[in-house]
N, C-alpha and C. Protein backbone atom coordinates (compact mmCIF):
# COMPACT_ATOMS: atom_id res chain seq x y z
N UNK A 1 108.64 177.88 57.54
CA UNK A 1 107.72 177.72 58.64
C UNK A 1 106.34 178.20 58.21
N UNK A 2 105.33 177.46 58.55
CA UNK A 2 103.96 177.79 58.17
C UNK A 2 103.46 178.98 59.00
N UNK A 3 102.62 179.78 58.37
CA UNK A 3 102.02 180.89 59.09
C UNK A 3 100.98 180.39 60.09
N UNK A 4 100.77 181.17 61.12
CA UNK A 4 99.84 180.79 62.18
C UNK A 4 98.42 180.66 61.64
N UNK A 5 97.75 179.61 62.10
CA UNK A 5 96.34 179.40 61.78
C UNK A 5 95.57 179.25 63.08
N UNK A 6 94.34 179.73 63.08
CA UNK A 6 93.44 179.49 64.20
C UNK A 6 92.17 178.86 63.65
N UNK A 7 91.67 177.88 64.38
CA UNK A 7 90.43 177.22 64.03
C UNK A 7 89.35 177.77 64.95
N UNK A 8 88.25 178.22 64.37
CA UNK A 8 87.17 178.81 65.16
C UNK A 8 85.86 178.15 64.77
N UNK A 9 84.96 178.09 65.74
CA UNK A 9 83.63 177.51 65.54
C UNK A 9 82.61 178.59 65.85
N UNK A 10 81.68 178.79 64.96
CA UNK A 10 80.67 179.83 65.14
C UNK A 10 79.85 179.56 66.40
N UNK A 11 79.85 180.51 67.34
CA UNK A 11 79.14 180.31 68.60
C UNK A 11 77.69 180.81 68.59
N UNK A 12 77.31 181.54 67.55
CA UNK A 12 76.00 182.19 67.53
C UNK A 12 74.85 181.21 67.27
N UNK A 13 73.73 181.46 67.92
CA UNK A 13 72.53 180.68 67.65
C UNK A 13 72.09 180.95 66.22
N UNK A 14 71.48 179.98 65.61
CA UNK A 14 70.97 180.16 64.25
C UNK A 14 71.58 179.16 63.29
N UNK A 15 71.42 179.43 62.04
CA UNK A 15 71.84 178.51 60.98
C UNK A 15 73.34 178.24 60.94
N UNK A 16 74.14 179.19 61.41
CA UNK A 16 75.60 179.04 61.32
C UNK A 16 76.24 178.42 62.57
N UNK A 17 75.47 178.22 63.61
CA UNK A 17 76.02 177.68 64.85
C UNK A 17 76.75 176.37 64.56
N UNK A 18 77.98 176.31 65.03
CA UNK A 18 78.79 175.10 64.88
C UNK A 18 79.59 175.02 63.59
N UNK A 19 79.38 175.96 62.66
CA UNK A 19 80.19 175.94 61.43
C UNK A 19 81.62 176.27 61.79
N UNK A 20 82.57 175.55 61.14
CA UNK A 20 83.99 175.69 61.47
C UNK A 20 84.72 176.45 60.37
N UNK A 21 85.67 177.25 60.83
CA UNK A 21 86.47 178.07 59.92
C UNK A 21 87.93 178.01 60.37
N UNK A 22 88.82 178.26 59.43
CA UNK A 22 90.23 178.41 59.75
C UNK A 22 90.66 179.77 59.20
N UNK A 23 91.42 180.48 60.02
CA UNK A 23 91.92 181.80 59.62
C UNK A 23 93.44 181.72 59.64
N UNK A 24 94.05 182.08 58.53
CA UNK A 24 95.51 182.01 58.39
C UNK A 24 96.07 183.43 58.36
N UNK A 25 97.07 183.67 59.19
CA UNK A 25 97.68 184.99 59.25
C UNK A 25 98.35 185.33 57.92
N UNK A 26 98.21 186.59 57.52
CA UNK A 26 98.90 187.09 56.33
C UNK A 26 100.41 187.04 56.57
N UNK A 27 101.16 187.08 55.50
CA UNK A 27 102.61 187.20 55.66
C UNK A 27 102.90 188.54 56.34
N UNK A 28 104.05 188.68 56.94
CA UNK A 28 104.41 189.92 57.62
C UNK A 28 104.37 191.10 56.66
N UNK A 29 104.87 190.90 55.45
CA UNK A 29 104.88 191.98 54.46
C UNK A 29 103.45 192.37 54.08
N UNK A 30 102.59 191.38 53.81
CA UNK A 30 101.21 191.67 53.46
C UNK A 30 100.46 192.34 54.61
N UNK A 31 100.69 191.86 55.84
CA UNK A 31 100.01 192.44 57.00
C UNK A 31 100.44 193.88 57.22
N UNK A 32 101.73 194.16 57.06
CA UNK A 32 102.20 195.53 57.22
C UNK A 32 101.60 196.43 56.14
N UNK A 33 101.60 195.96 54.91
CA UNK A 33 101.02 196.73 53.80
C UNK A 33 99.53 196.98 54.06
N UNK A 34 98.81 195.93 54.49
CA UNK A 34 97.39 196.06 54.78
C UNK A 34 97.17 197.08 55.90
N UNK A 35 98.01 197.03 56.94
CA UNK A 35 97.90 197.98 58.04
C UNK A 35 98.12 199.41 57.59
N UNK A 36 99.13 199.63 56.76
CA UNK A 36 99.39 200.98 56.25
C UNK A 36 98.24 201.46 55.39
N UNK A 37 97.66 200.57 54.59
CA UNK A 37 96.53 200.95 53.74
C UNK A 37 95.31 201.29 54.59
N UNK A 38 95.11 200.56 55.70
CA UNK A 38 94.01 200.87 56.62
C UNK A 38 94.17 202.28 57.19
N UNK A 39 95.38 202.59 57.64
CA UNK A 39 95.62 203.91 58.23
C UNK A 39 95.45 205.01 57.19
N UNK A 40 95.97 204.77 56.00
CA UNK A 40 95.83 205.77 54.95
C UNK A 40 94.37 206.00 54.59
N UNK A 41 93.61 204.92 54.47
CA UNK A 41 92.19 205.04 54.12
C UNK A 41 91.43 205.81 55.19
N UNK A 42 91.73 205.55 56.46
CA UNK A 42 91.06 206.26 57.54
C UNK A 42 91.45 207.75 57.52
N UNK A 43 92.73 208.03 57.30
CA UNK A 43 93.19 209.41 57.29
C UNK A 43 92.61 210.19 56.11
N UNK A 44 92.61 209.57 54.94
CA UNK A 44 92.09 210.22 53.74
C UNK A 44 90.59 210.49 53.87
N UNK A 45 89.91 209.61 54.58
CA UNK A 45 88.47 209.78 54.77
C UNK A 45 88.14 210.80 55.85
N UNK A 46 89.17 211.37 56.44
CA UNK A 46 88.95 212.37 57.46
C UNK A 46 88.71 211.78 58.83
N UNK A 47 88.99 210.49 58.96
CA UNK A 47 88.78 209.83 60.25
C UNK A 47 89.74 210.35 61.30
N UNK A 48 89.22 210.55 62.48
CA UNK A 48 90.05 211.01 63.59
C UNK A 48 90.51 209.80 64.38
N UNK A 49 91.78 209.48 64.24
CA UNK A 49 92.37 208.36 64.97
C UNK A 49 93.44 208.97 65.87
N UNK A 50 93.05 209.36 67.08
CA UNK A 50 93.98 210.08 67.96
C UNK A 50 95.30 209.34 68.17
N UNK A 51 96.40 210.08 67.94
CA UNK A 51 97.71 209.55 68.26
C UNK A 51 98.27 208.54 67.29
N UNK A 52 97.52 208.16 66.26
CA UNK A 52 98.02 207.16 65.33
C UNK A 52 98.64 207.87 64.14
N UNK A 53 99.87 207.51 63.86
CA UNK A 53 100.62 208.12 62.78
C UNK A 53 100.30 207.42 61.47
N UNK A 54 99.94 208.19 60.45
CA UNK A 54 99.68 207.61 59.14
C UNK A 54 100.94 206.91 58.66
N UNK A 55 100.81 205.71 58.12
CA UNK A 55 101.95 204.94 57.66
C UNK A 55 102.55 204.09 58.76
N UNK A 56 101.90 204.02 59.92
CA UNK A 56 102.44 203.28 61.05
C UNK A 56 102.39 201.78 60.92
N UNK A 57 101.69 201.26 59.93
CA UNK A 57 101.65 199.82 59.70
C UNK A 57 100.73 199.10 60.66
N UNK A 58 100.95 197.81 60.77
CA UNK A 58 100.05 196.93 61.52
C UNK A 58 100.03 197.26 63.01
N UNK A 59 101.14 197.76 63.57
CA UNK A 59 101.16 198.13 64.99
C UNK A 59 100.19 199.28 65.26
N UNK A 60 100.12 200.23 64.35
CA UNK A 60 99.20 201.35 64.53
C UNK A 60 97.75 200.91 64.39
N UNK A 61 97.51 199.96 63.50
CA UNK A 61 96.16 199.42 63.36
C UNK A 61 95.76 198.69 64.64
N UNK A 62 96.70 197.96 65.22
CA UNK A 62 96.42 197.27 66.49
C UNK A 62 96.05 198.27 67.56
N UNK A 63 96.76 199.40 67.59
CA UNK A 63 96.47 200.41 68.60
C UNK A 63 95.10 201.04 68.38
N UNK A 64 94.70 201.19 67.12
CA UNK A 64 93.41 201.82 66.82
C UNK A 64 92.25 200.86 67.06
N UNK A 65 92.48 199.56 66.85
CA UNK A 65 91.41 198.58 67.01
C UNK A 65 90.53 198.48 65.78
N UNK A 66 89.58 197.55 65.84
CA UNK A 66 88.74 197.28 64.68
C UNK A 66 87.87 198.48 64.31
N UNK A 67 87.69 199.41 65.25
CA UNK A 67 86.92 200.61 64.97
C UNK A 67 87.55 201.49 63.91
N UNK A 68 88.79 201.20 63.52
CA UNK A 68 89.44 201.99 62.48
C UNK A 68 88.62 201.97 61.19
N UNK A 69 87.90 200.90 60.95
CA UNK A 69 87.13 200.80 59.71
C UNK A 69 85.97 201.78 59.67
N UNK A 70 85.46 202.18 60.83
CA UNK A 70 84.35 203.13 60.87
C UNK A 70 84.77 204.51 60.39
N UNK A 71 86.07 204.77 60.38
CA UNK A 71 86.58 206.07 59.98
C UNK A 71 86.87 206.15 58.48
N UNK A 72 86.46 205.15 57.72
CA UNK A 72 86.82 205.08 56.30
C UNK A 72 85.64 205.30 55.37
N UNK A 73 85.99 205.71 54.17
CA UNK A 73 85.03 205.73 53.07
C UNK A 73 84.55 204.29 52.87
N UNK A 74 83.24 204.07 52.67
CA UNK A 74 82.72 202.70 52.57
C UNK A 74 83.39 201.83 51.50
N UNK A 75 83.73 202.40 50.36
CA UNK A 75 84.36 201.59 49.31
C UNK A 75 85.76 201.12 49.73
N UNK A 76 86.53 202.02 50.35
CA UNK A 76 87.85 201.65 50.83
C UNK A 76 87.74 200.63 51.95
N UNK A 77 86.76 200.86 52.85
CA UNK A 77 86.54 199.94 53.95
C UNK A 77 86.23 198.54 53.42
N UNK A 78 85.32 198.46 52.45
CA UNK A 78 84.96 197.16 51.89
C UNK A 78 86.16 196.46 51.27
N UNK A 79 86.97 197.22 50.53
CA UNK A 79 88.15 196.62 49.88
C UNK A 79 89.14 196.08 50.92
N UNK A 80 89.35 196.82 52.01
CA UNK A 80 90.29 196.38 53.03
C UNK A 80 89.75 195.20 53.83
N UNK A 81 88.46 195.21 54.12
CA UNK A 81 87.88 194.07 54.82
C UNK A 81 87.88 192.85 53.89
N UNK A 82 87.58 193.06 52.61
CA UNK A 82 87.64 191.94 51.66
C UNK A 82 89.03 191.33 51.65
N UNK A 83 90.06 192.17 51.67
CA UNK A 83 91.44 191.66 51.69
C UNK A 83 91.70 190.85 52.96
N UNK A 84 91.23 191.36 54.08
CA UNK A 84 91.40 190.64 55.35
C UNK A 84 90.70 189.29 55.30
N UNK A 85 89.51 189.26 54.74
CA UNK A 85 88.71 188.04 54.74
C UNK A 85 89.26 186.95 53.80
N UNK A 86 90.18 187.30 52.94
CA UNK A 86 90.82 186.27 52.11
C UNK A 86 91.59 185.27 52.96
N UNK A 87 91.83 185.63 54.21
CA UNK A 87 92.53 184.74 55.15
C UNK A 87 91.61 183.69 55.76
N UNK A 88 90.30 183.82 55.50
CA UNK A 88 89.31 182.93 56.12
C UNK A 88 88.90 181.84 55.13
N UNK A 89 88.89 180.61 55.65
CA UNK A 89 88.39 179.47 54.88
C UNK A 89 87.38 178.72 55.75
N UNK A 90 86.45 178.06 55.11
CA UNK A 90 85.47 177.26 55.84
C UNK A 90 85.87 175.80 55.76
N UNK A 91 85.62 175.09 56.85
CA UNK A 91 85.84 173.65 56.89
C UNK A 91 84.45 173.01 56.81
N UNK A 92 84.06 172.57 55.60
CA UNK A 92 82.69 172.06 55.45
C UNK A 92 82.45 170.72 56.15
N UNK A 93 83.53 169.95 56.34
CA UNK A 93 83.41 168.64 56.97
C UNK A 93 84.40 168.59 58.13
N UNK A 94 83.92 168.78 59.38
CA UNK A 94 84.84 168.80 60.52
C UNK A 94 85.68 167.54 60.68
N UNK A 95 85.23 166.41 60.12
CA UNK A 95 86.03 165.19 60.22
C UNK A 95 87.19 165.20 59.24
N UNK A 96 87.22 166.18 58.32
CA UNK A 96 88.29 166.29 57.35
C UNK A 96 88.73 167.76 57.26
N UNK A 97 89.50 168.26 58.24
CA UNK A 97 89.86 169.68 58.27
C UNK A 97 90.81 170.11 57.15
N UNK A 98 91.32 169.17 56.37
CA UNK A 98 92.18 169.57 55.26
C UNK A 98 91.37 170.01 54.05
N UNK A 99 90.09 169.65 54.01
CA UNK A 99 89.22 170.11 52.93
C UNK A 99 88.64 171.46 53.36
N UNK A 100 88.96 172.47 52.57
CA UNK A 100 88.57 173.83 52.94
C UNK A 100 87.97 174.55 51.74
N UNK A 101 87.03 175.43 52.04
CA UNK A 101 86.46 176.31 51.03
C UNK A 101 87.09 177.68 51.19
N UNK A 102 87.64 178.24 50.11
CA UNK A 102 88.21 179.58 50.22
C UNK A 102 87.10 180.58 50.51
N UNK A 103 87.46 181.83 50.83
CA UNK A 103 86.48 182.81 51.26
C UNK A 103 85.40 183.05 50.21
N UNK A 104 85.77 183.04 48.95
CA UNK A 104 84.78 183.26 47.90
C UNK A 104 83.67 182.22 47.98
N UNK A 105 84.03 180.97 48.21
CA UNK A 105 83.03 179.91 48.35
C UNK A 105 82.43 179.88 49.75
N UNK A 106 83.24 180.12 50.76
CA UNK A 106 82.77 180.05 52.14
C UNK A 106 81.65 181.05 52.41
N UNK A 107 81.79 182.25 51.86
CA UNK A 107 80.78 183.26 52.16
C UNK A 107 79.40 182.90 51.60
N UNK A 108 79.37 182.02 50.63
CA UNK A 108 78.07 181.58 50.11
C UNK A 108 77.41 180.57 51.03
N UNK A 109 78.16 180.05 52.00
CA UNK A 109 77.64 179.06 52.94
C UNK A 109 77.23 179.68 54.28
N UNK A 110 77.38 180.99 54.41
CA UNK A 110 77.04 181.68 55.66
C UNK A 110 75.64 182.24 55.53
N UNK A 111 74.81 181.95 56.55
CA UNK A 111 73.41 182.33 56.50
C UNK A 111 73.04 183.49 57.41
N UNK A 112 73.86 183.80 58.39
CA UNK A 112 73.50 184.80 59.40
C UNK A 112 74.45 185.99 59.35
N UNK A 113 73.89 187.20 59.39
CA UNK A 113 74.70 188.42 59.35
C UNK A 113 75.68 188.49 60.52
N UNK A 114 75.29 188.15 61.75
CA UNK A 114 76.27 188.24 62.85
C UNK A 114 77.51 187.37 62.63
N UNK A 115 77.38 186.32 61.86
CA UNK A 115 78.54 185.45 61.58
C UNK A 115 79.61 186.21 60.82
N UNK A 116 79.19 187.06 59.89
CA UNK A 116 80.15 187.84 59.11
C UNK A 116 80.94 188.77 60.03
N UNK A 117 80.25 189.52 60.88
CA UNK A 117 80.93 190.44 61.80
C UNK A 117 81.85 189.68 62.75
N UNK A 118 81.40 188.52 63.21
CA UNK A 118 82.22 187.71 64.11
C UNK A 118 83.49 187.24 63.40
N UNK A 119 83.36 186.77 62.16
CA UNK A 119 84.54 186.33 61.41
C UNK A 119 85.49 187.49 61.13
N UNK A 120 84.96 188.65 60.80
CA UNK A 120 85.81 189.82 60.59
C UNK A 120 86.59 190.14 61.85
N UNK A 121 85.92 190.09 62.98
CA UNK A 121 86.59 190.37 64.24
C UNK A 121 87.66 189.32 64.56
N UNK A 122 87.35 188.06 64.32
CA UNK A 122 88.33 186.99 64.58
C UNK A 122 89.55 187.14 63.67
N UNK A 123 89.34 187.47 62.41
CA UNK A 123 90.46 187.66 61.48
C UNK A 123 91.29 188.87 61.89
N UNK A 124 90.62 189.94 62.29
CA UNK A 124 91.34 191.14 62.74
C UNK A 124 92.19 190.81 63.96
N UNK A 125 91.58 190.12 64.93
CA UNK A 125 92.32 189.76 66.15
C UNK A 125 93.56 188.93 65.84
N UNK A 126 93.44 188.00 64.93
CA UNK A 126 94.61 187.17 64.60
C UNK A 126 95.76 188.03 64.12
N UNK A 127 95.45 189.07 63.39
CA UNK A 127 96.51 189.88 62.81
C UNK A 127 97.07 190.96 63.74
N UNK A 128 96.35 191.30 64.80
CA UNK A 128 96.85 192.38 65.66
C UNK A 128 97.02 192.00 67.12
N UNK A 129 96.38 190.94 67.60
CA UNK A 129 96.43 190.64 69.02
C UNK A 129 97.81 190.26 69.53
N UNK A 130 98.70 189.83 68.66
CA UNK A 130 100.02 189.48 69.16
C UNK A 130 100.74 190.71 69.70
N UNK A 131 100.34 191.92 69.28
CA UNK A 131 100.92 193.12 69.87
C UNK A 131 100.47 193.26 71.31
N UNK A 132 99.18 193.02 71.56
CA UNK A 132 98.66 193.13 72.92
C UNK A 132 99.26 192.04 73.80
N UNK A 133 99.46 190.87 73.25
CA UNK A 133 100.04 189.76 74.00
C UNK A 133 101.49 189.99 74.35
N UNK A 134 102.11 190.94 73.71
CA UNK A 134 103.51 191.21 73.96
C UNK A 134 103.73 192.07 75.20
N UNK A 135 102.63 192.39 75.90
CA UNK A 135 102.75 193.10 77.18
C UNK A 135 103.46 194.43 77.07
N UNK A 136 104.64 194.50 77.65
CA UNK A 136 105.38 195.75 77.68
C UNK A 136 105.67 196.27 76.28
N UNK A 137 105.94 195.37 75.36
CA UNK A 137 106.22 195.81 74.00
C UNK A 137 105.03 196.57 73.44
N UNK A 138 103.82 196.05 73.67
CA UNK A 138 102.63 196.74 73.16
C UNK A 138 102.50 198.10 73.83
N UNK A 139 102.76 198.16 75.13
CA UNK A 139 102.68 199.44 75.83
C UNK A 139 103.68 200.43 75.26
N UNK A 140 104.88 199.95 74.97
CA UNK A 140 105.90 200.83 74.39
C UNK A 140 105.50 201.28 72.99
N UNK A 141 104.95 200.36 72.20
CA UNK A 141 104.49 200.73 70.86
C UNK A 141 103.38 201.76 70.97
N UNK A 142 102.43 201.52 71.89
CA UNK A 142 101.32 202.45 72.08
C UNK A 142 101.84 203.81 72.53
N UNK A 143 102.82 203.81 73.42
CA UNK A 143 103.40 205.06 73.88
C UNK A 143 104.06 205.80 72.72
N UNK A 144 104.83 205.07 71.91
CA UNK A 144 105.49 205.68 70.76
C UNK A 144 104.47 206.25 69.77
N UNK A 145 103.32 205.57 69.66
CA UNK A 145 102.28 206.03 68.74
C UNK A 145 101.39 207.08 69.38
N UNK A 146 101.60 207.34 70.68
CA UNK A 146 100.81 208.34 71.37
C UNK A 146 99.43 207.86 71.78
N UNK A 147 99.24 206.55 71.90
CA UNK A 147 97.93 206.03 72.25
C UNK A 147 97.86 205.52 73.67
N UNK A 148 98.94 205.56 74.40
CA UNK A 148 98.98 205.04 75.78
C UNK A 148 98.66 206.19 76.73
N UNK A 149 97.66 206.00 77.56
CA UNK A 149 97.25 207.03 78.52
C UNK A 149 98.24 207.14 79.67
N UNK A 150 98.71 206.02 80.17
CA UNK A 150 99.58 206.01 81.35
C UNK A 150 101.01 205.68 80.93
N UNK A 151 101.92 206.06 81.76
CA UNK A 151 103.32 205.73 81.52
C UNK A 151 103.49 204.22 81.65
N UNK A 152 104.28 203.60 80.76
CA UNK A 152 104.52 202.18 80.90
C UNK A 152 105.42 201.92 82.10
N UNK A 153 105.36 200.69 82.59
CA UNK A 153 106.25 200.31 83.70
C UNK A 153 107.69 200.44 83.23
N UNK A 154 108.58 200.86 84.11
CA UNK A 154 109.98 200.97 83.72
C UNK A 154 110.54 199.64 83.23
N UNK A 155 111.39 199.73 82.24
CA UNK A 155 112.02 198.53 81.71
C UNK A 155 113.39 198.42 82.36
N UNK A 156 113.63 197.32 83.05
CA UNK A 156 114.90 197.14 83.71
C UNK A 156 115.93 196.63 82.72
N UNK A 157 117.14 197.09 82.87
CA UNK A 157 118.21 196.63 82.01
C UNK A 157 118.97 195.55 82.75
N UNK A 158 119.08 194.39 82.13
CA UNK A 158 119.83 193.31 82.76
C UNK A 158 120.85 192.77 81.83
């Protein structure tokens, strides 16, 4: 089965408006490894990530949010964001979405700084938002990680 892909179009005014990209989710193993490396990098850098257990994997990164990168040493942060961005490809010709430029080539076609931050956010969301979409499961994960402020709704046994 193919990994999930999302097609996004740059919404920002400027040179990049309307440029199309496809973001492909990492494999589960790669995403978990990437998540653990994010947590380790934040912890080693002295970042305070309340309630997040080092080694928690992608679920813990989802709980921390994209702000986890602010808690890292810049070199580690760049390496982890670079790894995330390998999931991004550009579609240079919207009439032919099978022709894609990998991230190394795609980044040379981006003209506006906000486009980079937007793509980073979109790639991050693809890899962690399914936890939030899981409703109660995300609340339970957050509770287990100590990041949930309120008690989750009771789970009925049927």
